PDB file of N, CA and C in Angstrom:
ATOM      1  N   MET A   1     -36.415 -44.901 -16.693  1.00  0.00           N
ATOM      2  CA  MET A   1     -36.052 -43.951 -17.728  1.00  0.00           C
ATOM      3  C   MET A   1     -34.811 -44.479 -18.448  1.00  0.00           C
ATOM      4  N   ASP A   2     -34.814 -44.411 -19.759  1.00  0.00           N
ATOM      5  CA  ASP A   2     -33.659 -44.880 -20.517  1.00  0.00           C
ATOM      6  C   ASP A   2     -32.525 -43.860 -20.423  1.00  0.00           C
ATOM      7  N   THR A   3     -31.329 -44.293 -20.792  1.00  0.00           N
ATOM      8  CA  THR A   3     -30.157 -43.430 -20.626  1.00  0.00           C
ATOM      9  C   THR A   3     -30.190 -42.223 -21.557  1.00  0.00           C
ATOM     10  N   ALA A   4     -30.750 -42.363 -22.748  1.00  0.00           N
ATOM     11  CA  ALA A   4     -30.820 -41.230 -23.674  1.00  0.00           C
ATOM     12  C   ALA A   4     -31.708 -40.120 -23.102  1.00  0.00           C
ATOM     13  N   GLY A   5     -32.832 -40.503 -22.528  1.00  0.00           N
ATOM     14  CA  GLY A   5     -33.717 -39.523 -21.914  1.00  0.00           C
ATOM     15  C   GLY A   5     -33.095 -38.856 -20.708  1.00  0.00           C
ATOM     16  N   TYR A   6     -32.346 -39.631 -19.932  1.00  0.00           N
ATOM     17  CA  TYR A   6     -31.666 -39.099 -18.758  1.00  0.00           C
ATOM     18  C   TYR A   6     -30.592 -38.099 -19.176  1.00  0.00           C
ATOM     19  N   LEU A   7     -29.824 -38.425 -20.219  1.00  0.00           N
ATOM     20  CA  LEU A   7     -28.783 -37.524 -20.689  1.00  0.00           C
ATOM     21  C   LEU A   7     -29.380 -36.247 -21.266  1.00  0.00           C
ATOM     22  N   ASP A   8     -30.505 -36.365 -21.971  1.00  0.00           N
ATOM     23  CA  ASP A   8     -31.172 -35.170 -22.488  1.00  0.00           C
ATOM     24  C   ASP A   8     -31.636 -34.265 -21.353  1.00  0.00           C
ATOM     25  N   LYS A   9     -32.138 -34.873 -20.295  1.00  0.00           N
ATOM     26  CA  LYS A   9     -32.597 -34.107 -19.142  1.00  0.00           C
ATOM     27  C   LYS A   9     -31.425 -33.387 -18.482  1.00  0.00           C
ATOM     28  N   LEU A  10     -30.271 -34.053 -18.386  1.00  0.00           N
ATOM     29  CA  LEU A  10     -29.093 -33.418 -17.805  1.00  0.00           C
ATOM     30  C   LEU A  10     -28.602 -32.258 -18.667  1.00  0.00           C
ATOM     31  N   LYS A  11     -28.607 -32.435 -19.971  1.00  0.00           N
ATOM     32  CA  LYS A  11     -28.143 -31.378 -20.871  1.00  0.00           C
ATOM     33  C   LYS A  11     -29.039 -30.146 -20.792  1.00  0.00           C
ATOM     34  N   LYS A  12     -30.331 -30.346 -20.671  1.00  0.00           N
ATOM     35  CA  LYS A  12     -31.251 -29.222 -20.602  1.00  0.00           C
ATOM     36  C   LYS A  12     -31.073 -28.435 -19.304  1.00  0.00           C
ATOM     37  N   GLY A  13     -30.757 -29.113 -18.230  1.00  0.00           N
ATOM     38  CA  GLY A  13     -30.624 -28.456 -16.937  1.00  0.00           C
ATOM     39  C   GLY A  13     -29.302 -27.752 -16.737  1.00  0.00           C
ATOM     40  N   SER A  14     -28.296 -28.039 -17.560  1.00  0.00           N
ATOM     41  CA  SER A  14     -26.974 -27.457 -17.335  1.00  0.00           C
ATOM     42  C   SER A  14     -26.684 -26.349 -18.340  1.00  0.00           C
ATOM     43  N   LYS A  15     -27.383 -25.246 -18.195  1.00  0.00           N
ATOM     44  CA  LYS A  15     -27.177 -24.110 -19.089  1.00  0.00           C
ATOM     45  C   LYS A  15     -26.292 -23.050 -18.457  1.00  0.00           C
ATOM     46  N   ARG A  16     -25.736 -23.340 -17.307  1.00  0.00           N
ATOM     47  CA  ARG A  16     -24.873 -22.375 -16.645  1.00  0.00           C
ATOM     48  C   ARG A  16     -23.496 -22.400 -17.289  1.00  0.00           C
ATOM     49  N   GLY A  17     -22.910 -21.252 -17.404  1.00  0.00           N
ATOM     50  CA  GLY A  17     -21.589 -21.144 -18.006  1.00  0.00           C
ATOM     51  C   GLY A  17     -20.504 -21.076 -16.945  1.00  0.00           C
ATOM     52  N   PRO A  18     -19.287 -20.804 -17.380  1.00  0.00           N
ATOM     53  CA  PRO A  18     -18.184 -20.690 -16.427  1.00  0.00           C
ATOM     54  C   PRO A  18     -18.378 -19.481 -15.513  1.00  0.00           C
ATOM     55  N   HIS A  19     -17.842 -19.581 -14.306  1.00  0.00           N
ATOM     56  CA  HIS A  19     -18.038 -18.537 -13.307  1.00  0.00           C
ATOM     57  C   HIS A  19     -17.054 -17.380 -13.461  1.00  0.00           C
ATOM     58  N   ASN A  20     -15.873 -17.651 -13.981  1.00  0.00           N
ATOM     59  CA  ASN A  20     -14.879 -16.591 -14.115  1.00  0.00           C
ATOM     60  C   ASN A  20     -14.029 -16.840 -15.358  1.00  0.00           C
ATOM     61  N   LYS A  21     -13.101 -15.933 -15.632  1.00  0.00           N
ATOM     62  CA  LYS A  21     -12.322 -16.038 -16.856  1.00  0.00           C
ATOM     63  C   LYS A  21     -11.365 -17.225 -16.832  1.00  0.00           C
ATOM     64  N   GLU A  22     -10.900 -17.636 -15.653  1.00  0.00           N
ATOM     65  CA  GLU A  22     -10.029 -18.812 -15.560  1.00  0.00           C
ATOM     66  C   GLU A  22     -10.776 -20.073 -15.977  1.00  0.00           C
ATOM     67  N   GLN A  23     -12.013 -20.201 -15.510  1.00  0.00           N
ATOM     68  CA  GLN A  23     -12.812 -21.364 -15.879  1.00  0.00           C
ATOM     69  C   GLN A  23     -13.193 -21.326 -17.353  1.00  0.00           C
ATOM     70  N   ALA A  24     -13.392 -20.141 -17.896  1.00  0.00           N
ATOM     71  CA  ALA A  24     -13.710 -20.021 -19.320  1.00  0.00           C
ATOM     72  C   ALA A  24     -12.515 -20.466 -20.166  1.00  0.00           C
ATOM     73  N   LEU A  25     -11.302 -20.057 -19.765  1.00  0.00           N
ATOM     74  CA  LEU A  25     -10.098 -20.491 -20.476  1.00  0.00           C
ATOM     75  C   LEU A  25      -9.904 -21.994 -20.338  1.00  0.00           C
ATOM     76  N   ALA A  26     -10.107 -22.520 -19.139  1.00  0.00           N
ATOM     77  CA  ALA A  26      -9.965 -23.959 -18.921  1.00  0.00           C
ATOM     78  C   ALA A  26     -10.964 -24.735 -19.775  1.00  0.00           C
ATOM     79  N   ASP A  27     -12.178 -24.237 -19.898  1.00  0.00           N
ATOM     80  CA  ASP A  27     -13.184 -24.885 -20.732  1.00  0.00           C
ATOM     81  C   ASP A  27     -12.783 -24.846 -22.199  1.00  0.00           C
ATOM     82  N   GLN A  28     -12.216 -23.731 -22.638  1.00  0.00           N
ATOM     83  CA  GLN A  28     -11.761 -23.608 -24.024  1.00  0.00           C
ATOM     84  C   GLN A  28     -10.624 -24.596 -24.307  1.00  0.00           C
ATOM     85  N   ILE A  29      -9.675 -24.705 -23.385  1.00  0.00           N
ATOM     86  CA  ILE A  29      -8.558 -25.652 -23.545  1.00  0.00           C
ATOM     87  C   ILE A  29      -9.083 -27.076 -23.519  1.00  0.00           C
ATOM     88  N   TRP A  30      -9.987 -27.357 -22.596  1.00  0.00           N
ATOM     89  CA  TRP A  30     -10.542 -28.703 -22.427  1.00  0.00           C
ATOM     90  C   TRP A  30     -11.254 -29.164 -23.693  1.00  0.00           C
ATOM     91  N   THR A  31     -12.052 -28.293 -24.291  1.00  0.00           N
ATOM     92  CA  THR A  31     -12.758 -28.681 -25.509  1.00  0.00           C
ATOM     93  C   THR A  31     -11.819 -28.736 -26.709  1.00  0.00           C
ATOM     94  N   TYR A  32     -10.787 -27.897 -26.744  1.00  0.00           N
ATOM     95  CA  TYR A  32      -9.838 -27.936 -27.856  1.00  0.00           C
ATOM     96  C   TYR A  32      -9.093 -29.269 -27.899  1.00  0.00           C
ATOM     97  N   PHE A  33      -8.714 -29.778 -26.743  1.00  0.00           N
ATOM     98  CA  PHE A  33      -8.015 -31.055 -26.672  1.00  0.00           C
ATOM     99  C   PHE A  33      -8.973 -32.233 -26.566  1.00  0.00           C
ATOM    100  N   GLU A  34     -10.221 -32.015 -26.909  1.00  0.00           N
ATOM    101  CA  GLU A  34     -11.251 -33.054 -26.970  1.00  0.00           C
ATOM    102  C   GLU A  34     -11.402 -33.817 -25.656  1.00  0.00           C
ATOM    103  N   LYS A  35     -11.282 -33.100 -24.562  1.00  0.00           N
ATOM    104  CA  LYS A  35     -11.514 -33.622 -23.211  1.00  0.00           C
ATOM    105  C   LYS A  35     -10.555 -34.754 -22.843  1.00  0.00           C
ATOM    106  N   ARG A  36      -9.350 -34.755 -23.428  1.00  0.00           N
ATOM    107  CA  ARG A  36      -8.354 -35.771 -23.093  1.00  0.00           C
ATOM    108  C   ARG A  36      -7.519 -35.376 -21.885  1.00  0.00           C
ATOM    109  N   LEU A  37      -7.617 -34.129 -21.465  1.00  0.00           N
ATOM    110  CA  LEU A  37      -6.892 -33.618 -20.306  1.00  0.00           C
ATOM    111  C   LEU A  37      -7.928 -33.268 -19.243  1.00  0.00           C
ATOM    112  N   HIS A  38      -7.705 -33.681 -18.016  1.00  0.00           N
ATOM    113  CA  HIS A  38      -8.680 -33.451 -16.955  1.00  0.00           C
ATOM    114  C   HIS A  38      -8.867 -31.956 -16.708  1.00  0.00           C
ATOM    115  N   PHE A  39     -10.110 -31.565 -16.504  1.00  0.00           N
ATOM    116  CA  PHE A  39     -10.444 -30.163 -16.272  1.00  0.00           C
ATOM    117  C   PHE A  39      -9.740 -29.634 -15.028  1.00  0.00           C
ATOM    118  N   ALA A  40      -9.678 -30.457 -13.995  1.00  0.00           N
ATOM    119  CA  ALA A  40      -9.030 -30.027 -12.749  1.00  0.00           C
ATOM    120  C   ALA A  40      -7.537 -29.784 -12.959  1.00  0.00           C
ATOM    121  N   ARG A  41      -6.917 -30.571 -13.804  1.00  0.00           N
ATOM    122  CA  ARG A  41      -5.493 -30.383 -14.084  1.00  0.00           C
ATOM    123  C   ARG A  41      -5.262 -29.069 -14.830  1.00  0.00           C
ATOM    124  N   ILE A  42      -6.149 -28.741 -15.741  1.00  0.00           N
ATOM    125  CA  ILE A  42      -6.038 -27.474 -16.462  1.00  0.00           C
ATOM    126  C   ILE A  42      -6.214 -26.309 -15.493  1.00  0.00           C
ATOM    127  N   MET A  43      -7.181 -26.400 -14.590  1.00  0.00           N
ATOM    128  CA  MET A  43      -7.392 -25.344 -13.602  1.00  0.00           C
ATOM    129  C   MET A  43      -6.173 -25.177 -12.704  1.00  0.00           C
ATOM    130  N   LYS A  44      -5.542 -26.288 -12.339  1.00  0.00           N
ATOM    131  CA  LYS A  44      -4.340 -26.222 -11.509  1.00  0.00           C
ATOM    132  C   LYS A  44      -3.212 -25.508 -12.252  1.00  0.00           C
ATOM    133  N   MET A  45      -3.067 -25.789 -13.539  1.00  0.00           N
ATOM    134  CA  MET A  45      -2.041 -25.104 -14.338  1.00  0.00           C
ATOM    135  C   MET A  45      -2.303 -23.604 -14.379  1.00  0.00           C
ATOM    136  N   ILE A  46      -3.554 -23.229 -14.547  1.00  0.00           N
ATOM    137  CA  ILE A  46      -3.895 -21.810 -14.610  1.00  0.00           C
ATOM    138  C   ILE A  46      -3.617 -21.139 -13.270  1.00  0.00           C
ATOM    139  N   LYS A  47      -3.952 -21.809 -12.179  1.00  0.00           N
ATOM    140  CA  LYS A  47      -3.713 -21.234 -10.853  1.00  0.00           C
ATOM    141  C   LYS A  47      -2.219 -21.093 -10.567  1.00  0.00           C
ATOM    142  N   GLU A  48      -1.412 -22.084 -10.982  1.00  0.00           N
ATOM    143  CA  GLU A  48       0.021 -22.054 -10.708  1.00  0.00           C
ATOM    144  C   GLU A  48       0.769 -21.084 -11.612  1.00  0.00           C
ATOM    145  N   LYS A  49       0.467 -21.078 -12.893  1.00  0.00           N
ATOM    146  CA  LYS A  49       1.227 -20.297 -13.865  1.00  0.00           C
ATOM    147  C   LYS A  49       0.613 -18.939 -14.159  1.00  0.00           C
ATOM    148  N   GLY A  50      -0.668 -18.797 -13.884  1.00  0.00           N
ATOM    149  CA  GLY A  50      -1.335 -17.534 -14.148  1.00  0.00           C
ATOM    150  C   GLY A  50      -2.147 -17.591 -15.430  1.00  0.00           C
ATOM    151  N   TYR A  51      -3.135 -16.718 -15.503  1.00  0.00           N
ATOM    152  CA  TYR A  51      -4.052 -16.691 -16.639  1.00  0.00           C
ATOM    153  C   TYR A  51      -3.326 -16.298 -17.920  1.00  0.00           C
ATOM    154  N   ARG A  52      -2.564 -15.223 -17.857  1.00  0.00           N
ATOM    155  CA  ARG A  52      -1.916 -14.691 -19.056  1.00  0.00           C
ATOM    156  C   ARG A  52      -0.903 -15.674 -19.631  1.00  0.00           C
ATOM    157  N   ALA A  53      -0.067 -16.278 -18.784  1.00  0.00           N
ATOM    158  CA  ALA A  53       0.945 -17.228 -19.264  1.00  0.00           C
ATOM    159  C   ALA A  53       0.289 -18.449 -19.896  1.00  0.00           C
ATOM    160  N   THR A  54      -0.770 -18.945 -19.280  1.00  0.00           N
ATOM    161  CA  THR A  54      -1.473 -20.103 -19.822  1.00  0.00           C
ATOM    162  C   THR A  54      -2.121 -19.770 -21.158  1.00  0.00           C
ATOM    163  N   TYR A  55      -2.714 -18.597 -21.252  1.00  0.00           N
ATOM    164  CA  TYR A  55      -3.355 -18.179 -22.496  1.00  0.00           C
ATOM    165  C   TYR A  55      -2.326 -18.042 -23.622  1.00  0.00           C
ATOM    166  N   GLU A  56      -1.163 -17.463 -23.315  1.00  0.00           N
ATOM    167  CA  GLU A  56      -0.120 -17.296 -24.325  1.00  0.00           C
ATOM    168  C   GLU A  56       0.412 -18.646 -24.809  1.00  0.00           C
ATOM    169  N   VAL A  57       0.649 -19.559 -23.881  1.00  0.00           N
ATOM    170  CA  VAL A  57       1.127 -20.894 -24.259  1.00  0.00           C
ATOM    171  C   VAL A  57       0.080 -21.604 -25.103  1.00  0.00           C
ATOM    172  N   PHE A  58      -1.180 -21.513 -24.712  1.00  0.00           N
ATOM    173  CA  PHE A  58      -2.257 -22.163 -25.457  1.00  0.00           C
ATOM    174  C   PHE A  58      -2.353 -21.619 -26.880  1.00  0.00           C
ATOM    175  N   ASN A  59      -2.247 -20.308 -27.041  1.00  0.00           N
ATOM    176  CA  ASN A  59      -2.291 -19.726 -28.381  1.00  0.00           C
ATOM    177  C   ASN A  59      -1.103 -20.152 -29.223  1.00  0.00           C
ATOM    178  N   ASP A  60       0.084 -20.206 -28.613  1.00  0.00           N
ATOM    179  CA  ASP A  60       1.266 -20.664 -29.347  1.00  0.00           C
ATOM    180  C   ASP A  60       1.118 -22.108 -29.807  1.00  0.00           C
ATOM    181  N   VAL A  61       0.562 -22.932 -28.942  1.00  0.00           N
ATOM    182  CA  VAL A  61       0.374 -24.347 -29.280  1.00  0.00           C
ATOM    183  C   VAL A  61      -0.657 -24.499 -30.391  1.00  0.00           C
ATOM    184  N   ARG A  62      -1.726 -23.732 -30.339  1.00  0.00           N
ATOM    185  CA  ARG A  62      -2.755 -23.811 -31.382  1.00  0.00           C
ATOM    186  C   ARG A  62      -2.216 -23.425 -32.748  1.00  0.00           C
ATOM    187  N   GLN A  63      -1.312 -22.464 -32.782  1.00  0.00           N
ATOM    188  CA  GLN A  63      -0.786 -21.968 -34.046  1.00  0.00           C
ATOM    189  C   GLN A  63       0.427 -22.750 -34.545  1.00  0.00           C
ATOM    190  N   SER A  64       0.914 -23.683 -33.748  1.00  0.00           N
ATOM    191  CA  SER A  64       2.102 -24.437 -34.134  1.00  0.00           C
ATOM    192  C   SER A  64       1.749 -25.543 -35.130  1.00  0.00           C
ATOM    193  N   ASP A  65       2.791 -26.077 -35.760  1.00  0.00           N
ATOM    194  CA  ASP A  65       2.614 -27.161 -36.724  1.00  0.00           C
ATOM    195  C   ASP A  65       2.946 -28.525 -36.120  1.00  0.00           C
ATOM    196  N   ALA A  66       2.904 -28.632 -34.811  1.00  0.00           N
ATOM    197  CA  ALA A  66       3.258 -29.874 -34.130  1.00  0.00           C
ATOM    198  C   ALA A  66       2.234 -30.965 -34.421  1.00  0.00           C
ATOM    199  N   GLU A  67       2.706 -32.196 -34.371  1.00  0.00           N
ATOM    200  CA  GLU A  67       1.801 -33.326 -34.591  1.00  0.00           C
ATOM    201  C   GLU A  67       0.887 -33.548 -33.395  1.00  0.00           C
ATOM    202  N   ASN A  68       1.451 -33.431 -32.199  1.00  0.00           N
ATOM    203  CA  ASN A  68       0.684 -33.698 -30.989  1.00  0.00           C
ATOM    204  C   ASN A  68       0.606 -32.408 -30.162  1.00  0.00           C
ATOM    205  N   HIS A  69      -0.484 -31.692 -30.309  1.00  0.00           N
ATOM    206  CA  HIS A  69      -0.643 -30.412 -29.624  1.00  0.00           C
ATOM    207  C   HIS A  69      -0.770 -30.583 -28.113  1.00  0.00           C
ATOM    208  N   LEU A  70      -1.386 -31.663 -27.674  1.00  0.00           N
ATOM    209  CA  LEU A  70      -1.569 -31.880 -26.242  1.00  0.00           C
ATOM    210  C   LEU A  70      -0.235 -32.058 -25.535  1.00  0.00           C
ATOM    211  N   THR A  71       0.642 -32.873 -26.100  1.00  0.00           N
ATOM    212  CA  THR A  71       1.949 -33.102 -25.498  1.00  0.00           C
ATOM    213  C   THR A  71       2.757 -31.805 -25.469  1.00  0.00           C
ATOM    214  N   LEU A  72       2.692 -31.054 -26.554  1.00  0.00           N
ATOM    215  CA  LEU A  72       3.407 -29.779 -26.615  1.00  0.00           C
ATOM    216  C   LEU A  72       2.882 -28.813 -25.563  1.00  0.00           C
ATOM    217  N   PHE A  73       1.570 -28.766 -25.375  1.00  0.00           N
ATOM    218  CA  PHE A  73       0.986 -27.878 -24.373  1.00  0.00           C
ATOM    219  C   PHE A  73       1.455 -28.244 -22.972  1.00  0.00           C
ATOM    220  N   ILE A  74       1.407 -29.516 -22.634  1.00  0.00           N
ATOM    221  CA  ILE A  74       1.823 -29.948 -21.295  1.00  0.00           C
ATOM    222  C   ILE A  74       3.308 -29.655 -21.081  1.00  0.00           C
ATOM    223  N   TRP A  75       4.130 -29.930 -22.082  1.00  0.00           N
ATOM    224  CA  TRP A  75       5.567 -29.695 -21.969  1.00  0.00           C
ATOM    225  C   TRP A  75       5.865 -28.206 -21.789  1.00  0.00           C
ATOM    226  N   ARG A  76       5.186 -27.364 -22.593  1.00  0.00           N
ATOM    227  CA  ARG A  76       5.422 -25.922 -22.494  1.00  0.00           C
ATOM    228  C   ARG A  76       4.950 -25.376 -21.146  1.00  0.00           C
ATOM    229  N   MET A  77       3.864 -25.917 -20.614  1.00  0.00           N
ATOM    230  CA  MET A  77       3.382 -25.452 -19.311  1.00  0.00           C
ATOM    231  C   MET A  77       4.334 -25.856 -18.198  1.00  0.00           C
ATOM    232  N   LYS A  78       4.939 -27.029 -18.320  1.00  0.00           N
ATOM    233  CA  LYS A  78       5.907 -27.444 -17.307  1.00  0.00           C
ATOM    234  C   LYS A  78       7.148 -26.573 -17.346  1.00  0.00           C
ATOM    235  N   LYS A  79       7.553 -26.158 -18.539  1.00  0.00           N
ATOM    236  CA  LYS A  79       8.765 -25.360 -18.699  1.00  0.00           C
ATOM    237  C   LYS A  79       8.532 -23.865 -18.510  1.00  0.00           C
ATOM    238  N   GLU A  80       7.283 -23.448 -18.409  1.00  0.00           N
ATOM    239  CA  GLU A  80       6.955 -22.034 -18.299  1.00  0.00           C
ATOM    240  C   GLU A  80       7.455 -21.473 -16.966  1.00  0.00           C
ATOM    241  N   LYS A  81       8.235 -20.417 -17.055  1.00  0.00           N
ATOM    242  CA  LYS A  81       8.722 -19.747 -15.848  1.00  0.00           C
ATOM    243  C   LYS A  81       7.731 -18.664 -15.464  1.00  0.00           C
ATOM    244  N   VAL A  82       7.418 -18.602 -14.189  1.00  0.00           N
ATOM    245  CA  VAL A  82       6.433 -17.642 -13.708  1.00  0.00           C
ATOM    246  C   VAL A  82       7.162 -16.508 -13.005  1.00  0.00           C
ATOM    247  N   VAL A  83       6.899 -15.313 -13.437  1.00  0.00           N
ATOM    248  CA  VAL A  83       7.446 -14.129 -12.788  1.00  0.00           C
ATOM    249  C   VAL A  83       6.258 -13.326 -12.277  1.00  0.00           C
ATOM    250  N   TRP A  84       6.084 -13.360 -10.980  1.00  0.00           N
ATOM    251  CA  TRP A  84       4.973 -12.632 -10.382  1.00  0.00           C
ATOM    252  C   TRP A  84       5.406 -11.207 -10.121  1.00  0.00           C
ATOM    253  N   ASP A  85       4.582 -10.264 -10.520  1.00  0.00           N
ATOM    254  CA  ASP A  85       4.873  -8.862 -10.258  1.00  0.00           C
ATOM    255  C   ASP A  85       4.634  -8.585  -8.774  1.00  0.00           C
ATOM    256  N   GLU A  86       5.592  -7.907  -8.168  1.00  0.00           N
ATOM    257  CA  GLU A  86       5.411  -7.548  -6.765  1.00  0.00           C
ATOM    258  C   GLU A  86       4.544  -6.314  -6.691  1.00  0.00           C
ATOM    259  N   LYS A  87       3.513  -6.398  -5.913  1.00  0.00           N
ATOM    260  CA  LYS A  87       2.586  -5.276  -5.771  1.00  0.00           C
ATOM    261  C   LYS A  87       3.082  -4.349  -4.663  1.00  0.00           C
ATOM    262  N   VAL A  88       3.141  -3.095  -4.971  1.00  0.00           N
ATOM    263  CA  VAL A  88       3.525  -2.108  -3.968  1.00  0.00           C
ATOM    264  C   VAL A  88       2.258  -1.649  -3.268  1.00  0.00           C
ATOM    265  N   VAL A  89       2.227  -1.843  -1.971  1.00  0.00           N
ATOM    266  CA  VAL A  89       1.028  -1.504  -1.213  1.00  0.00           C
ATOM    267  C   VAL A  89       1.216  -0.194  -0.503  1.00  0.00           C
TER     268      VAL A  89
END
């Protein structure tokens, strides 16, 4: 089988979407940066910083006038301070 036929077969079989909202956000970020950032690294950022903080940083980066959005996103995620709400049980 040639590679084009094999790739078509793979594309047809992979119609499953993301399993949760974190993976959906990671997929959105991954495609926005044209797959230059590893998906696993994006998932790690979401797990460490939280869904809301990552989403806010991503929206700020998208709306900015920066030349290199990827570098700005990584820098902002590194500098993002996480404040976890304490749950009263």
